[in-house]
Amino acid sequence: MRKIKNGFTLIELLIVVAIIGILAAIAVPNFLNAQIRAKVSRAQADLRAVASAVAMYTIDRGAPPPHTHPELGDSTVGYIRYNLTTPVAYLSTGLLPDPFVRQNDPDRVENSEQYYTYHNMPWYVDKGTFPKELLNFYGTWRSCSYGPDMTYYNGSYGARIYHSSNGLISEGNIWTCQNNPNVTTTPKGVD
């Protein structure tokens, strides 16, 4: 009688390796897409929280909060001010990290660009920085996430809007504002 060897042949091993490679080729892109979808959902939820906090602040104070960064001084614009957290806690922190910004990027951390941006629109329009059409479109404030393209300024006044229908990693920012909790179109005349 012949002795039967226990083990796999070379062809059987190659077939198993090929199957594992095919499964990995399918699974990795799906995993990466799931991460992006999760970050988009998180950014939208955080921006809804910002919208609620700004609305409560506006009701209490009669105007939207200014857009400064407490750690960089009052001259820095584009961030949610600390007074959304003190003395009344409209938000637990005014510095919500944007999930689309690499938190360990030294350029972004040094410039404090790792947070959601926030703009008090009347301030910009009154200073002549933004056209009046933006005030009419957004209302008294707007806030945004960098979006999956990880670029803030990608259109006139940062007005490009992210749409997942253009591809999961399409260009544009995820916006919320006083007049629309989910901005889906760009202001007319400022593109």
N, C-alpha and C. Protein backbone atom coordinates (compact mmCIF):
# COMPACT_ATOMS: atom_id res chain seq x y z
N MET A 1 0.81 -1.18 0.00
CA MET A 1 0.00 0.00 0.00
C MET A 1 0.86 1.24 0.00
N ARG A 2 0.30 2.26 -0.70
CA ARG A 2 1.03 3.54 -0.73
C ARG A 2 0.70 4.36 0.51
N LYS A 3 1.70 5.04 0.94
CA LYS A 3 1.50 5.92 2.08
C LYS A 3 0.92 7.26 1.57
N ILE A 4 -0.15 7.74 2.17
CA ILE A 4 -0.79 8.98 1.76
C ILE A 4 -0.15 10.14 2.53
N LYS A 5 0.27 11.15 1.79
CA LYS A 5 0.90 12.32 2.41
C LYS A 5 -0.18 13.29 2.88
N ASN A 6 0.02 13.85 4.03
CA ASN A 6 -0.87 14.89 4.53
C ASN A 6 -0.27 16.23 4.14
N GLY A 7 -1.07 17.09 3.55
CA GLY A 7 -0.60 18.40 3.14
C GLY A 7 -1.28 18.85 1.87
N PHE A 8 -0.94 20.07 1.46
CA PHE A 8 -1.53 20.66 0.26
C PHE A 8 -0.53 20.61 -0.88
N THR A 9 -1.08 20.49 -2.06
CA THR A 9 -0.22 20.57 -3.24
C THR A 9 0.03 22.03 -3.57
N LEU A 10 0.97 22.31 -4.42
CA LEU A 10 1.30 23.67 -4.82
C LEU A 10 0.10 24.34 -5.48
N ILE A 11 -0.63 23.65 -6.28
CA ILE A 11 -1.80 24.21 -6.98
C ILE A 11 -2.88 24.57 -5.96
N GLU A 12 -3.09 23.72 -4.99
CA GLU A 12 -4.10 24.03 -3.96
C GLU A 12 -3.71 25.27 -3.18
N LEU A 13 -2.45 25.41 -2.85
CA LEU A 13 -1.99 26.61 -2.14
C LEU A 13 -2.15 27.86 -3.00
N LEU A 14 -1.84 27.77 -4.29
CA LEU A 14 -2.01 28.91 -5.18
C LEU A 14 -3.47 29.31 -5.30
N ILE A 15 -4.35 28.36 -5.34
CA ILE A 15 -5.80 28.65 -5.42
C ILE A 15 -6.26 29.36 -4.14
N VAL A 16 -5.81 28.90 -2.99
CA VAL A 16 -6.19 29.53 -1.72
C VAL A 16 -5.66 30.97 -1.67
N VAL A 17 -4.40 31.15 -2.07
CA VAL A 17 -3.82 32.50 -2.06
C VAL A 17 -4.58 33.40 -3.03
N ALA A 18 -4.95 32.91 -4.19
CA ALA A 18 -5.71 33.70 -5.15
C ALA A 18 -7.08 34.09 -4.59
N ILE A 19 -7.75 33.18 -3.92
CA ILE A 19 -9.06 33.48 -3.32
C ILE A 19 -8.91 34.54 -2.24
N ILE A 20 -7.90 34.42 -1.41
CA ILE A 20 -7.67 35.43 -0.36
C ILE A 20 -7.37 36.79 -0.98
N GLY A 21 -6.58 36.80 -2.06
CA GLY A 21 -6.29 38.06 -2.76
C GLY A 21 -7.53 38.71 -3.33
N ILE A 22 -8.41 37.91 -3.92
CA ILE A 22 -9.67 38.45 -4.48
C ILE A 22 -10.55 39.01 -3.38
N LEU A 23 -10.68 38.29 -2.26
CA LEU A 23 -11.48 38.79 -1.14
C LEU A 23 -10.91 40.09 -0.57
N ALA A 24 -9.59 40.18 -0.48
CA ALA A 24 -8.96 41.40 0.02
C ALA A 24 -9.19 42.56 -0.94
N ALA A 25 -9.13 42.27 -2.24
CA ALA A 25 -9.35 43.32 -3.24
C ALA A 25 -10.78 43.86 -3.17
N ILE A 26 -11.70 43.03 -2.75
CA ILE A 26 -13.09 43.47 -2.60
C ILE A 26 -13.29 44.18 -1.27
N ALA A 27 -12.70 43.66 -0.21
CA ALA A 27 -12.96 44.16 1.14
C ALA A 27 -12.29 45.50 1.43
N VAL A 28 -11.05 45.70 1.00
CA VAL A 28 -10.32 46.92 1.35
C VAL A 28 -11.00 48.19 0.82
N PRO A 29 -11.38 48.26 -0.47
CA PRO A 29 -12.08 49.48 -0.91
C PRO A 29 -13.40 49.70 -0.19
N ASN A 30 -14.13 48.62 0.10
CA ASN A 30 -15.39 48.77 0.84
C ASN A 30 -15.14 49.31 2.24
N PHE A 31 -14.07 48.86 2.86
CA PHE A 31 -13.72 49.35 4.20
C PHE A 31 -13.36 50.83 4.15
N LEU A 32 -12.57 51.22 3.16
CA LEU A 32 -12.19 52.63 3.03
C LEU A 32 -13.41 53.51 2.74
N ASN A 33 -14.31 53.03 1.90
CA ASN A 33 -15.53 53.78 1.61
C ASN A 33 -16.40 53.90 2.85
N ALA A 34 -16.46 52.83 3.65
CA ALA A 34 -17.24 52.89 4.89
C ALA A 34 -16.65 53.93 5.84
N GLN A 35 -15.33 54.04 5.88
CA GLN A 35 -14.70 55.06 6.72
C GLN A 35 -15.08 56.47 6.27
N ILE A 36 -15.08 56.69 4.98
CA ILE A 36 -15.42 58.02 4.46
C ILE A 36 -16.89 58.33 4.75
N ARG A 37 -17.77 57.36 4.52
CA ARG A 37 -19.19 57.58 4.83
C ARG A 37 -19.39 57.88 6.31
N ALA A 38 -18.65 57.19 7.18
CA ALA A 38 -18.75 57.45 8.62
C ALA A 38 -18.28 58.86 8.95
N LYS A 39 -17.19 59.31 8.33
CA LYS A 39 -16.70 60.66 8.58
C LYS A 39 -17.69 61.71 8.08
N VAL A 40 -18.31 61.47 6.93
CA VAL A 40 -19.32 62.40 6.42
C VAL A 40 -20.48 62.48 7.41
N SER A 41 -20.94 61.34 7.90
CA SER A 41 -22.04 61.32 8.88
C SER A 41 -21.65 62.05 10.16
N ARG A 42 -20.42 61.83 10.61
CA ARG A 42 -19.97 62.51 11.83
C ARG A 42 -19.92 64.02 11.61
N ALA A 43 -19.37 64.44 10.48
CA ALA A 43 -19.29 65.88 10.20
C ALA A 43 -20.69 66.49 10.14
N GLN A 44 -21.63 65.81 9.50
CA GLN A 44 -22.99 66.33 9.42
C GLN A 44 -23.63 66.41 10.81
N ALA A 45 -23.39 65.40 11.65
CA ALA A 45 -23.95 65.42 13.01
C ALA A 45 -23.32 66.55 13.83
N ASP A 46 -21.99 66.71 13.73
CA ASP A 46 -21.32 67.79 14.46
C ASP A 46 -21.83 69.15 14.00
N LEU A 47 -22.02 69.31 12.69
CA LEU A 47 -22.50 70.60 12.18
C LEU A 47 -23.94 70.87 12.61
N ARG A 48 -24.75 69.81 12.75
CA ARG A 48 -26.10 69.99 13.31
C ARG A 48 -26.01 70.47 14.76
N ALA A 49 -25.05 69.92 15.52
CA ALA A 49 -24.85 70.36 16.91
C ALA A 49 -24.42 71.83 16.94
N VAL A 50 -23.54 72.21 16.03
CA VAL A 50 -23.12 73.62 15.93
C VAL A 50 -24.33 74.49 15.61
N ALA A 51 -25.15 74.04 14.67
CA ALA A 51 -26.34 74.82 14.29
C ALA A 51 -27.27 75.02 15.48
N SER A 52 -27.48 73.97 16.26
CA SER A 52 -28.34 74.09 17.45
C SER A 52 -27.73 75.04 18.46
N ALA A 53 -26.43 74.93 18.68
CA ALA A 53 -25.76 75.81 19.65
C ALA A 53 -25.83 77.27 19.20
N VAL A 54 -25.59 77.51 17.93
CA VAL A 54 -25.63 78.89 17.42
C VAL A 54 -27.05 79.44 17.50
N ALA A 55 -28.05 78.60 17.21
CA ALA A 55 -29.44 79.06 17.30
C ALA A 55 -29.80 79.42 18.74
N MET A 56 -29.40 78.60 19.71
CA MET A 56 -29.70 78.91 21.11
C MET A 56 -28.96 80.17 21.56
N TYR A 57 -27.70 80.30 21.15
CA TYR A 57 -26.91 81.49 21.49
C TYR A 57 -27.58 82.73 20.90
N THR A 58 -28.02 82.63 19.65
CA THR A 58 -28.65 83.77 18.97
C THR A 58 -29.95 84.17 19.68
N ILE A 59 -30.72 83.19 20.11
CA ILE A 59 -31.95 83.50 20.83
C ILE A 59 -31.64 84.21 22.14
N ASP A 60 -30.64 83.72 22.87
CA ASP A 60 -30.28 84.32 24.16
C ASP A 60 -29.64 85.70 24.02
N ARG A 61 -28.81 85.89 23.00
CA ARG A 61 -28.02 87.13 22.89
C ARG A 61 -28.51 88.09 21.82
N GLY A 62 -29.39 87.65 20.93
CA GLY A 62 -29.91 88.53 19.89
C GLY A 62 -29.05 88.64 18.65
N ALA A 63 -27.94 87.93 18.61
CA ALA A 63 -27.05 87.94 17.45
C ALA A 63 -26.23 86.65 17.47
N PRO A 64 -25.79 86.20 16.30
CA PRO A 64 -24.97 84.99 16.29
C PRO A 64 -23.61 85.25 16.94
N PRO A 65 -22.96 84.20 17.41
CA PRO A 65 -21.66 84.40 18.06
C PRO A 65 -20.61 84.91 17.08
N PRO A 66 -19.63 85.64 17.61
CA PRO A 66 -18.53 86.08 16.75
C PRO A 66 -17.70 84.87 16.31
N HIS A 67 -16.83 85.07 15.35
CA HIS A 67 -16.04 83.96 14.81
C HIS A 67 -14.57 84.17 15.10
N THR A 68 -14.20 83.89 16.30
CA THR A 68 -12.80 84.01 16.67
C THR A 68 -12.34 82.75 17.38
N HIS A 69 -11.06 82.64 17.58
CA HIS A 69 -10.48 81.49 18.24
C HIS A 69 -9.87 81.98 19.55
N PRO A 70 -10.32 81.46 20.67
CA PRO A 70 -9.87 82.02 21.96
C PRO A 70 -8.38 81.86 22.20
N GLU A 71 -7.78 80.80 21.70
CA GLU A 71 -6.36 80.57 21.96
C GLU A 71 -5.47 81.38 21.03
N LEU A 72 -6.03 81.91 19.95
CA LEU A 72 -5.22 82.67 19.00
C LEU A 72 -5.51 84.16 19.05
N GLY A 73 -6.39 84.58 19.93
CA GLY A 73 -6.70 85.99 20.05
C GLY A 73 -7.92 86.37 19.23
N ASP A 74 -8.51 87.49 19.54
CA ASP A 74 -9.76 87.91 18.92
C ASP A 74 -9.60 88.35 17.48
N SER A 75 -8.39 88.52 16.99
CA SER A 75 -8.23 88.97 15.61
C SER A 75 -8.32 87.80 14.62
N THR A 76 -8.22 86.57 15.09
CA THR A 76 -8.28 85.40 14.22
C THR A 76 -9.73 85.06 13.95
N VAL A 77 -10.10 84.93 12.70
CA VAL A 77 -11.49 84.66 12.37
C VAL A 77 -11.62 83.27 11.77
N GLY A 78 -12.86 82.75 11.82
CA GLY A 78 -13.14 81.49 11.16
C GLY A 78 -13.33 80.32 12.10
N TYR A 79 -13.42 80.56 13.41
CA TYR A 79 -13.60 79.48 14.36
C TYR A 79 -14.75 79.78 15.29
N ILE A 80 -15.26 78.75 15.91
CA ILE A 80 -16.35 78.93 16.87
C ILE A 80 -15.76 79.47 18.16
N ARG A 81 -16.31 80.55 18.62
CA ARG A 81 -15.76 81.23 19.79
C ARG A 81 -16.06 80.45 21.07
N TYR A 82 -15.20 80.64 22.04
CA TYR A 82 -15.33 79.95 23.31
C TYR A 82 -16.64 80.23 24.02
N ASN A 83 -17.27 81.39 23.76
CA ASN A 83 -18.47 81.72 24.51
C ASN A 83 -19.67 80.88 24.11
N LEU A 84 -19.49 79.91 23.22
CA LEU A 84 -20.53 78.90 23.03
C LEU A 84 -20.45 77.84 24.12
N THR A 85 -19.39 77.87 24.90
CA THR A 85 -19.24 76.90 25.98
C THR A 85 -19.26 77.55 27.36
N THR A 86 -19.06 78.87 27.43
CA THR A 86 -18.98 79.54 28.72
C THR A 86 -19.70 80.88 28.65
N PRO A 87 -20.46 81.29 29.60
CA PRO A 87 -20.85 80.59 30.83
C PRO A 87 -21.97 79.57 30.60
N VAL A 88 -22.73 79.71 29.51
CA VAL A 88 -23.78 78.72 29.21
C VAL A 88 -23.18 77.71 28.23
N ALA A 89 -23.36 76.43 28.51
CA ALA A 89 -22.76 75.39 27.67
C ALA A 89 -23.66 75.06 26.48
N TYR A 90 -23.60 75.89 25.46
CA TYR A 90 -24.33 75.58 24.23
C TYR A 90 -23.69 74.38 23.53
N LEU A 91 -22.38 74.30 23.61
CA LEU A 91 -21.59 73.16 23.12
C LEU A 91 -20.65 72.74 24.25
N SER A 92 -20.29 71.46 24.26
CA SER A 92 -19.34 71.01 25.29
C SER A 92 -17.95 71.58 25.02
N THR A 93 -17.62 71.78 23.76
CA THR A 93 -16.36 72.42 23.39
C THR A 93 -16.58 73.26 22.15
N GLY A 94 -15.95 74.39 22.08
CA GLY A 94 -16.07 75.22 20.89
C GLY A 94 -15.11 74.80 19.79
N LEU A 95 -14.20 73.90 20.13
CA LEU A 95 -13.19 73.49 19.17
C LEU A 95 -13.44 72.03 18.77
N LEU A 96 -14.41 71.82 17.93
CA LEU A 96 -14.73 70.47 17.47
C LEU A 96 -13.77 70.09 16.34
N PRO A 97 -13.03 69.00 16.48
CA PRO A 97 -12.09 68.61 15.42
C PRO A 97 -12.81 68.10 14.19
N ASP A 98 -12.38 68.58 13.05
CA ASP A 98 -12.95 68.15 11.77
C ASP A 98 -12.38 66.76 11.44
N PRO A 99 -13.24 65.76 11.20
CA PRO A 99 -12.71 64.41 10.93
C PRO A 99 -11.94 64.31 9.63
N PHE A 100 -12.05 65.28 8.75
CA PHE A 100 -11.35 65.23 7.47
C PHE A 100 -10.00 65.94 7.49
N VAL A 101 -9.60 66.44 8.65
CA VAL A 101 -8.31 67.08 8.78
C VAL A 101 -7.38 66.12 9.52
N ARG A 102 -6.21 65.91 8.97
CA ARG A 102 -5.24 65.05 9.65
C ARG A 102 -4.76 65.76 10.92
N GLN A 103 -5.12 65.22 12.05
CA GLN A 103 -4.85 65.87 13.33
C GLN A 103 -3.36 65.95 13.65
N ASN A 104 -2.55 65.11 13.01
CA ASN A 104 -1.12 65.15 13.29
C ASN A 104 -0.34 65.93 12.23
N ASP A 105 -1.03 66.62 11.33
CA ASP A 105 -0.37 67.43 10.32
C ASP A 105 0.13 68.71 10.99
N PRO A 106 1.45 68.90 11.11
CA PRO A 106 1.96 70.05 11.87
C PRO A 106 1.54 71.39 11.29
N ASP A 107 1.37 71.50 9.98
CA ASP A 107 0.93 72.77 9.39
C ASP A 107 -0.47 73.11 9.83
N ARG A 108 -1.35 72.14 9.81
CA ARG A 108 -2.73 72.38 10.22
C ARG A 108 -2.83 72.66 11.72
N VAL A 109 -2.09 71.91 12.52
CA VAL A 109 -2.14 72.11 13.97
C VAL A 109 -1.57 73.48 14.32
N GLU A 110 -0.46 73.86 13.70
CA GLU A 110 0.16 75.16 13.99
C GLU A 110 -0.79 76.30 13.62
N ASN A 111 -1.49 76.18 12.52
CA ASN A 111 -2.42 77.23 12.10
C ASN A 111 -3.81 77.04 12.69
N SER A 112 -3.95 76.04 13.56
CA SER A 112 -5.21 75.74 14.21
C SER A 112 -6.32 75.52 13.19
N GLU A 113 -5.99 74.84 12.11
CA GLU A 113 -6.98 74.57 11.07
C GLU A 113 -7.59 73.18 11.20
N GLN A 114 -7.45 72.56 12.37
CA GLN A 114 -7.98 71.22 12.49
C GLN A 114 -9.43 71.19 12.96
N TYR A 115 -10.05 72.36 13.10
CA TYR A 115 -11.41 72.45 13.59
C TYR A 115 -12.38 72.85 12.47
N TYR A 116 -13.67 72.65 12.73
CA TYR A 116 -14.69 73.14 11.80
C TYR A 116 -14.57 74.66 11.71
N THR A 117 -14.83 75.19 10.55
CA THR A 117 -14.81 76.64 10.42
C THR A 117 -16.20 77.20 10.68
N TYR A 118 -16.25 78.43 11.11
CA TYR A 118 -17.50 79.12 11.43
C TYR A 118 -17.34 80.57 11.02
N HIS A 119 -18.33 81.12 10.35
CA HIS A 119 -18.28 82.52 9.93
C HIS A 119 -19.53 83.26 10.37
N ASN A 120 -19.32 84.40 10.99
CA ASN A 120 -20.40 85.33 11.29
C ASN A 120 -20.54 86.20 10.03
N MET A 121 -21.57 85.95 9.25
CA MET A 121 -21.68 86.55 7.93
C MET A 121 -21.82 88.07 7.94
N PRO A 122 -22.62 88.68 8.84
CA PRO A 122 -22.70 90.16 8.81
C PRO A 122 -21.34 90.82 8.99
N TRP A 123 -20.47 90.24 9.82
CA TRP A 123 -19.12 90.81 10.02
C TRP A 123 -18.36 90.83 8.71
N TYR A 124 -18.39 89.71 7.97
CA TYR A 124 -17.67 89.65 6.69
C TYR A 124 -18.27 90.61 5.67
N VAL A 125 -19.58 90.65 5.57
CA VAL A 125 -20.24 91.51 4.58
C VAL A 125 -20.00 92.98 4.93
N ASP A 126 -20.13 93.33 6.21
CA ASP A 126 -19.91 94.72 6.64
C ASP A 126 -18.47 95.17 6.38
N LYS A 127 -17.52 94.27 6.51
CA LYS A 127 -16.12 94.62 6.26
C LYS A 127 -15.80 94.64 4.77
N GLY A 128 -16.75 94.23 3.93
CA GLY A 128 -16.52 94.22 2.50
C GLY A 128 -15.75 93.00 2.02
N THR A 129 -15.57 92.02 2.91
CA THR A 129 -14.82 90.82 2.55
C THR A 129 -15.65 89.87 1.70
N PHE A 130 -16.93 89.73 2.02
CA PHE A 130 -17.84 88.85 1.29
C PHE A 130 -18.93 89.68 0.62
N PRO A 131 -19.43 89.23 -0.53
CA PRO A 131 -20.54 89.95 -1.16
C PRO A 131 -21.84 89.75 -0.39
N LYS A 132 -22.74 90.71 -0.53
CA LYS A 132 -24.03 90.67 0.17
C LYS A 132 -24.84 89.43 -0.19
N GLU A 133 -24.64 88.89 -1.39
CA GLU A 133 -25.37 87.69 -1.80
C GLU A 133 -25.13 86.52 -0.85
N LEU A 134 -23.93 86.46 -0.25
CA LEU A 134 -23.65 85.39 0.70
C LEU A 134 -24.49 85.53 1.96
N LEU A 135 -24.68 86.77 2.42
CA LEU A 135 -25.52 87.01 3.59
C LEU A 135 -26.96 86.60 3.28
N ASN A 136 -27.41 86.94 2.09
CA ASN A 136 -28.77 86.57 1.70
C ASN A 136 -28.92 85.05 1.59
N PHE A 137 -27.89 84.38 1.10
CA PHE A 137 -27.96 82.94 0.88
C PHE A 137 -27.82 82.15 2.19
N TYR A 138 -26.78 82.46 2.97
CA TYR A 138 -26.50 81.68 4.18
C TYR A 138 -27.29 82.15 5.40
N GLY A 139 -27.61 83.42 5.47
CA GLY A 139 -28.18 83.98 6.69
C GLY A 139 -27.07 84.63 7.50
N THR A 140 -27.24 84.69 8.81
CA THR A 140 -26.28 85.41 9.64
C THR A 140 -25.03 84.62 9.99
N TRP A 141 -25.01 83.32 9.70
CA TRP A 141 -23.82 82.52 10.00
C TRP A 141 -23.76 81.31 9.08
N ARG A 142 -22.55 80.72 8.97
CA ARG A 142 -22.35 79.46 8.27
C ARG A 142 -21.20 78.72 8.92
N SER A 143 -21.19 77.41 8.80
CA SER A 143 -20.13 76.59 9.37
C SER A 143 -19.87 75.44 8.42
N CYS A 144 -18.64 74.94 8.38
CA CYS A 144 -18.34 73.86 7.44
C CYS A 144 -17.23 72.94 7.90
N SER A 145 -17.23 71.78 7.25
CA SER A 145 -16.16 70.78 7.36
C SER A 145 -15.38 70.81 6.05
N TYR A 146 -14.12 70.44 6.11
CA TYR A 146 -13.30 70.41 4.89
C TYR A 146 -13.86 69.44 3.86
N GLY A 147 -14.50 68.38 4.28
CA GLY A 147 -15.03 67.39 3.34
C GLY A 147 -13.96 66.40 2.92
N PRO A 148 -14.38 65.33 2.21
CA PRO A 148 -13.45 64.25 1.86
C PRO A 148 -12.27 64.66 1.00
N ASP A 149 -12.37 65.77 0.27
CA ASP A 149 -11.20 66.19 -0.52
C ASP A 149 -10.14 66.86 0.35
N MET A 150 -10.46 67.10 1.62
CA MET A 150 -9.55 67.66 2.62
C MET A 150 -8.99 69.01 2.23
N THR A 151 -9.80 69.81 1.54
CA THR A 151 -9.40 71.14 1.11
C THR A 151 -10.50 72.11 1.50
N TYR A 152 -10.14 73.18 2.20
CA TYR A 152 -11.17 74.15 2.56
C TYR A 152 -11.53 75.02 1.36
N TYR A 153 -10.56 75.71 0.82
CA TYR A 153 -10.86 76.66 -0.25
C TYR A 153 -10.78 75.96 -1.59
N ASN A 154 -11.92 75.64 -2.16
CA ASN A 154 -11.94 74.99 -3.47
C ASN A 154 -12.99 75.63 -4.37
N GLY A 155 -13.23 76.87 -4.16
CA GLY A 155 -14.18 77.61 -4.98
C GLY A 155 -14.23 79.03 -4.49
N SER A 156 -14.93 79.87 -5.19
CA SER A 156 -15.04 81.26 -4.77
C SER A 156 -15.66 81.31 -3.38
N TYR A 157 -14.98 81.92 -2.43
CA TYR A 157 -15.42 82.04 -1.05
C TYR A 157 -15.66 80.68 -0.41
N GLY A 158 -14.99 79.64 -0.88
CA GLY A 158 -15.16 78.31 -0.30
C GLY A 158 -16.55 77.77 -0.51
N ALA A 159 -17.19 78.13 -1.61
CA ALA A 159 -18.61 77.86 -1.78
C ALA A 159 -18.93 76.52 -2.43
N ARG A 160 -17.96 75.74 -2.85
CA ARG A 160 -18.29 74.45 -3.46
C ARG A 160 -18.88 73.52 -2.41
N ILE A 161 -19.89 72.80 -2.81
CA ILE A 161 -20.64 71.94 -1.90
C ILE A 161 -20.31 70.48 -2.20
N TYR A 162 -20.10 69.70 -1.14
CA TYR A 162 -19.82 68.27 -1.30
C TYR A 162 -21.12 67.52 -1.59
N HIS A 163 -21.08 66.66 -2.60
CA HIS A 163 -22.19 65.75 -2.91
C HIS A 163 -21.62 64.36 -3.08
N SER A 164 -22.10 63.41 -2.30
CA SER A 164 -21.60 62.04 -2.45
C SER A 164 -22.01 61.44 -3.78
N SER A 165 -23.03 62.00 -4.42
CA SER A 165 -23.45 61.50 -5.73
C SER A 165 -22.41 61.79 -6.80
N ASN A 166 -21.48 62.73 -6.52
CA ASN A 166 -20.39 63.03 -7.46
C ASN A 166 -19.20 62.11 -7.25
N GLY A 167 -19.35 61.14 -6.40
CA GLY A 167 -18.24 60.26 -6.02
C GLY A 167 -17.97 60.47 -4.55
N LEU A 168 -17.68 59.41 -3.86
CA LEU A 168 -17.52 59.50 -2.42
C LEU A 168 -16.43 60.49 -2.01
N ILE A 169 -15.36 60.58 -2.81
CA ILE A 169 -14.29 61.53 -2.51
C ILE A 169 -14.33 62.64 -3.56
N SER A 170 -15.47 63.31 -3.67
CA SER A 170 -15.57 64.42 -4.61
C SER A 170 -15.18 65.70 -3.89
N GLU A 171 -14.89 66.74 -4.65
CA GLU A 171 -14.47 67.99 -4.04
C GLU A 171 -15.67 68.72 -3.47
N GLY A 172 -15.38 69.58 -2.53
CA GLY A 172 -16.41 70.40 -1.91
C GLY A 172 -16.39 70.26 -0.40
N ASN A 173 -17.01 71.23 0.26
CA ASN A 173 -17.11 71.26 1.71
C ASN A 173 -18.52 70.87 2.14
N ILE A 174 -18.63 70.38 3.36
CA ILE A 174 -19.93 70.05 3.95
C ILE A 174 -20.35 71.28 4.76
N TRP A 175 -21.44 71.91 4.36
CA TRP A 175 -21.86 73.19 4.94
C TRP A 175 -23.17 73.07 5.71
N THR A 176 -23.31 73.92 6.70
CA THR A 176 -24.58 74.19 7.35
C THR A 176 -24.64 75.70 7.56
N CYS A 177 -25.85 76.22 7.68
CA CYS A 177 -25.98 77.67 7.87
C CYS A 177 -27.32 77.98 8.52
N GLN A 178 -27.55 79.24 8.80
CA GLN A 178 -28.79 79.65 9.43
C GLN A 178 -29.99 79.32 8.54
N ASN A 179 -29.89 79.59 7.25
CA ASN A 179 -31.03 79.42 6.36
C ASN A 179 -31.25 77.99 5.88
N ASN A 180 -30.27 77.12 6.06
CA ASN A 180 -30.40 75.75 5.55
C ASN A 180 -29.48 74.83 6.34
N PRO A 181 -30.04 73.84 7.07
CA PRO A 181 -29.17 72.96 7.85
C PRO A 181 -28.25 72.08 7.00
N ASN A 182 -28.66 71.76 5.79
CA ASN A 182 -27.83 70.98 4.87
C ASN A 182 -27.74 71.71 3.55
N VAL A 183 -26.71 72.52 3.39
CA VAL A 183 -26.56 73.30 2.17
C VAL A 183 -26.23 72.35 1.03
N THR A 184 -27.05 72.38 -0.02
CA THR A 184 -26.85 71.46 -1.15
C THR A 184 -26.57 72.19 -2.46
N THR A 185 -26.71 73.51 -2.47
CA THR A 185 -26.44 74.28 -3.68
C THR A 185 -25.49 75.42 -3.35
N THR A 186 -24.85 75.97 -4.35
CA THR A 186 -23.96 77.09 -4.14
C THR A 186 -24.71 78.40 -4.33
N PRO A 187 -24.25 79.46 -3.67
CA PRO A 187 -24.90 80.76 -3.87
C PRO A 187 -24.78 81.19 -5.33
N LYS A 188 -25.84 81.72 -5.88
CA LYS A 188 -25.83 82.19 -7.25
C LYS A 188 -25.04 83.49 -7.35
N GLY A 189 -24.23 83.59 -8.38
CA GLY A 189 -23.52 84.82 -8.65
C GLY A 189 -22.18 84.98 -7.93
N VAL A 190 -21.77 84.00 -7.11
CA VAL A 190 -20.50 84.14 -6.41
C VAL A 190 -19.54 82.99 -6.74
N ASP A 191 -19.89 82.10 -7.64
CA ASP A 191 -19.00 81.00 -8.03
C ASP A 191 -17.86 81.48 -8.87
